[in-house]
Amino acid sequence: MGGKDLAEQLKTLRPNTKVLLTSGCTNDMEFQNGELVGNVSFVQKPFMPADLLAKVQEVLKA
C-alpha cells in the first residue's frame, strides 16, 4: 500500500488526523498544488529543512 492509499484509509477512520506525504518521484497532478483530496498535504523532495518545518507548521495549524 502506498502512502496516498494509507492516508485515505486513515482519514476515513480518523478524519481529524493531520497527514503530510512526501515523495521525490511524482508527476501526479493531484500533488501539484501541495494538497490532496481530503486535506492531505504533500511536500515534494528535495526540500530544505526550513521548507519542511514550514509545511509541518502549516499542516498542524490547519
N, C-alpha and C. Protein backbone atom coordinates (compact mmCIF):
# COMPACT_ATOMS: atom_id res chain seq x y z
N MET A 1 0.85 -1.17 0.00
CA MET A 1 0.00 0.00 0.00
C MET A 1 0.90 1.24 0.00
N GLY A 2 0.56 2.18 -0.85
CA GLY A 2 1.32 3.43 -0.91
C GLY A 2 0.84 4.42 0.14
N GLY A 3 1.60 5.47 0.29
CA GLY A 3 1.28 6.49 1.28
C GLY A 3 -0.07 7.15 1.04
N LYS A 4 -0.38 7.42 -0.22
CA LYS A 4 -1.65 8.06 -0.56
C LYS A 4 -2.82 7.18 -0.14
N ASP A 5 -2.74 5.89 -0.45
CA ASP A 5 -3.81 4.95 -0.07
C ASP A 5 -3.93 4.84 1.44
N LEU A 6 -2.79 4.77 2.12
CA LEU A 6 -2.80 4.71 3.58
C LEU A 6 -3.44 5.96 4.18
N ALA A 7 -3.07 7.12 3.64
CA ALA A 7 -3.64 8.38 4.14
C ALA A 7 -5.15 8.42 3.95
N GLU A 8 -5.62 7.96 2.80
CA GLU A 8 -7.06 7.95 2.54
C GLU A 8 -7.79 7.03 3.52
N GLN A 9 -7.22 5.86 3.80
CA GLN A 9 -7.84 4.94 4.76
C GLN A 9 -7.81 5.53 6.16
N LEU A 10 -6.69 6.14 6.53
CA LEU A 10 -6.56 6.74 7.84
C LEU A 10 -7.59 7.86 8.02
N LYS A 11 -7.74 8.71 7.00
CA LYS A 11 -8.69 9.81 7.09
C LYS A 11 -10.13 9.31 7.16
N THR A 12 -10.40 8.14 6.61
CA THR A 12 -11.73 7.54 6.72
C THR A 12 -12.00 7.12 8.16
N LEU A 13 -11.01 6.54 8.81
CA LEU A 13 -11.15 6.08 10.18
C LEU A 13 -11.06 7.22 11.19
N ARG A 14 -10.18 8.17 10.93
CA ARG A 14 -9.94 9.29 11.86
C ARG A 14 -9.84 10.59 11.05
N PRO A 15 -10.97 11.17 10.71
CA PRO A 15 -10.99 12.32 9.80
C PRO A 15 -10.19 13.54 10.26
N ASN A 16 -9.96 13.70 11.53
CA ASN A 16 -9.23 14.88 12.02
C ASN A 16 -7.72 14.69 12.08
N THR A 17 -7.24 13.53 11.67
CA THR A 17 -5.81 13.26 11.69
C THR A 17 -5.09 14.10 10.64
N LYS A 18 -3.99 14.72 11.03
CA LYS A 18 -3.18 15.52 10.11
C LYS A 18 -2.24 14.58 9.37
N VAL A 19 -2.15 14.72 8.06
CA VAL A 19 -1.30 13.86 7.24
C VAL A 19 -0.46 14.72 6.31
N LEU A 20 0.84 14.43 6.27
CA LEU A 20 1.75 15.09 5.35
C LEU A 20 2.54 14.02 4.62
N LEU A 21 2.35 13.94 3.32
CA LEU A 21 3.07 12.98 2.50
C LEU A 21 4.26 13.65 1.85
N THR A 22 5.29 12.87 1.56
CA THR A 22 6.46 13.38 0.86
C THR A 22 6.91 12.37 -0.18
N SER A 23 7.43 12.86 -1.28
CA SER A 23 7.91 11.97 -2.33
C SER A 23 8.90 12.71 -3.20
N GLY A 24 9.74 11.96 -3.84
CA GLY A 24 10.70 12.53 -4.76
C GLY A 24 10.42 12.15 -6.19
N CYS A 25 9.39 11.35 -6.40
CA CYS A 25 9.15 10.86 -7.75
C CYS A 25 7.66 10.82 -8.07
N THR A 26 7.10 11.98 -8.33
CA THR A 26 5.71 12.00 -8.74
C THR A 26 5.47 13.13 -9.72
N ASN A 27 4.70 12.83 -10.72
CA ASN A 27 4.23 13.84 -11.65
C ASN A 27 2.72 13.92 -11.57
N ASP A 28 2.17 13.26 -10.58
CA ASP A 28 0.72 13.16 -10.41
C ASP A 28 0.13 14.54 -10.16
N MET A 29 -0.82 14.95 -10.98
CA MET A 29 -1.40 16.28 -10.87
C MET A 29 -2.07 16.53 -9.52
N GLU A 30 -2.56 15.50 -8.87
CA GLU A 30 -3.23 15.73 -7.61
C GLU A 30 -2.26 16.18 -6.52
N PHE A 31 -0.96 16.05 -6.75
CA PHE A 31 0.03 16.51 -5.80
C PHE A 31 0.54 17.91 -6.14
N GLN A 32 0.25 18.42 -7.29
CA GLN A 32 0.89 19.62 -7.78
C GLN A 32 0.63 20.86 -6.93
N ASN A 33 -0.51 20.96 -6.31
CA ASN A 33 -0.83 22.14 -5.51
C ASN A 33 -0.48 21.97 -4.05
N GLY A 34 0.17 20.88 -3.68
CA GLY A 34 0.59 20.67 -2.31
C GLY A 34 -0.49 20.14 -1.40
N GLU A 35 -1.62 19.78 -1.98
CA GLU A 35 -2.69 19.23 -1.15
C GLU A 35 -3.49 18.22 -1.95
N LEU A 36 -3.87 17.16 -1.29
CA LEU A 36 -4.68 16.11 -1.89
C LEU A 36 -6.12 16.25 -1.45
N VAL A 37 -6.98 15.52 -2.09
CA VAL A 37 -8.37 15.47 -1.66
C VAL A 37 -8.41 14.96 -0.23
N GLY A 38 -9.26 15.54 0.59
CA GLY A 38 -9.40 15.09 1.97
C GLY A 38 -8.43 15.74 2.92
N ASN A 39 -7.87 16.89 2.54
CA ASN A 39 -6.98 17.62 3.44
C ASN A 39 -5.70 16.87 3.77
N VAL A 40 -5.16 16.16 2.82
CA VAL A 40 -3.86 15.50 2.99
C VAL A 40 -2.84 16.37 2.27
N SER A 41 -1.85 16.86 2.99
CA SER A 41 -0.85 17.75 2.41
C SER A 41 0.32 16.96 1.86
N PHE A 42 1.09 17.63 1.01
CA PHE A 42 2.19 16.98 0.31
C PHE A 42 3.35 17.95 0.19
N VAL A 43 4.55 17.43 0.33
CA VAL A 43 5.76 18.22 0.10
C VAL A 43 6.67 17.40 -0.83
N GLN A 44 7.14 18.04 -1.88
CA GLN A 44 7.96 17.38 -2.90
C GLN A 44 9.43 17.39 -2.51
N LYS A 45 10.09 16.26 -2.63
CA LYS A 45 11.54 16.19 -2.43
C LYS A 45 12.22 16.70 -3.69
N PRO A 46 13.38 17.23 -3.64
CA PRO A 46 14.11 17.58 -2.42
C PRO A 46 13.56 18.86 -1.81
N PHE A 47 13.67 18.96 -0.51
CA PHE A 47 13.23 20.17 0.18
C PHE A 47 14.27 20.52 1.23
N MET A 48 14.32 21.77 1.55
CA MET A 48 15.22 22.24 2.59
C MET A 48 14.56 22.03 3.95
N PRO A 49 15.35 21.85 5.01
CA PRO A 49 14.75 21.66 6.33
C PRO A 49 13.76 22.77 6.71
N ALA A 50 14.06 24.00 6.35
CA ALA A 50 13.15 25.11 6.68
C ALA A 50 11.83 24.96 5.94
N ASP A 51 11.87 24.44 4.70
CA ASP A 51 10.64 24.23 3.93
C ASP A 51 9.78 23.14 4.57
N LEU A 52 10.42 22.07 5.03
CA LEU A 52 9.70 21.00 5.71
C LEU A 52 9.08 21.51 7.01
N LEU A 53 9.85 22.25 7.77
CA LEU A 53 9.35 22.82 9.02
C LEU A 53 8.14 23.71 8.77
N ALA A 54 8.21 24.55 7.75
CA ALA A 54 7.09 25.43 7.42
C ALA A 54 5.86 24.63 7.03
N LYS A 55 6.05 23.56 6.26
CA LYS A 55 4.91 22.75 5.83
C LYS A 55 4.30 22.01 7.02
N VAL A 56 5.13 21.48 7.92
CA VAL A 56 4.62 20.80 9.11
C VAL A 56 3.82 21.80 9.97
N GLN A 57 4.35 22.99 10.14
CA GLN A 57 3.63 24.00 10.92
C GLN A 57 2.30 24.35 10.27
N GLU A 58 2.30 24.47 8.94
CA GLU A 58 1.07 24.76 8.20
C GLU A 58 0.04 23.66 8.40
N VAL A 59 0.48 22.41 8.32
CA VAL A 59 -0.43 21.26 8.48
C VAL A 59 -1.00 21.22 9.89
N LEU A 60 -0.16 21.46 10.88
CA LEU A 60 -0.62 21.40 12.27
C LEU A 60 -1.61 22.53 12.60
N LYS A 61 -1.46 23.68 11.95
CA LYS A 61 -2.37 24.79 12.19
C LYS A 61 -3.71 24.59 11.50
N ALA A 62 -3.74 23.82 10.44
CA ALA A 62 -4.97 23.62 9.66
C ALA A 62 -6.00 22.83 10.43
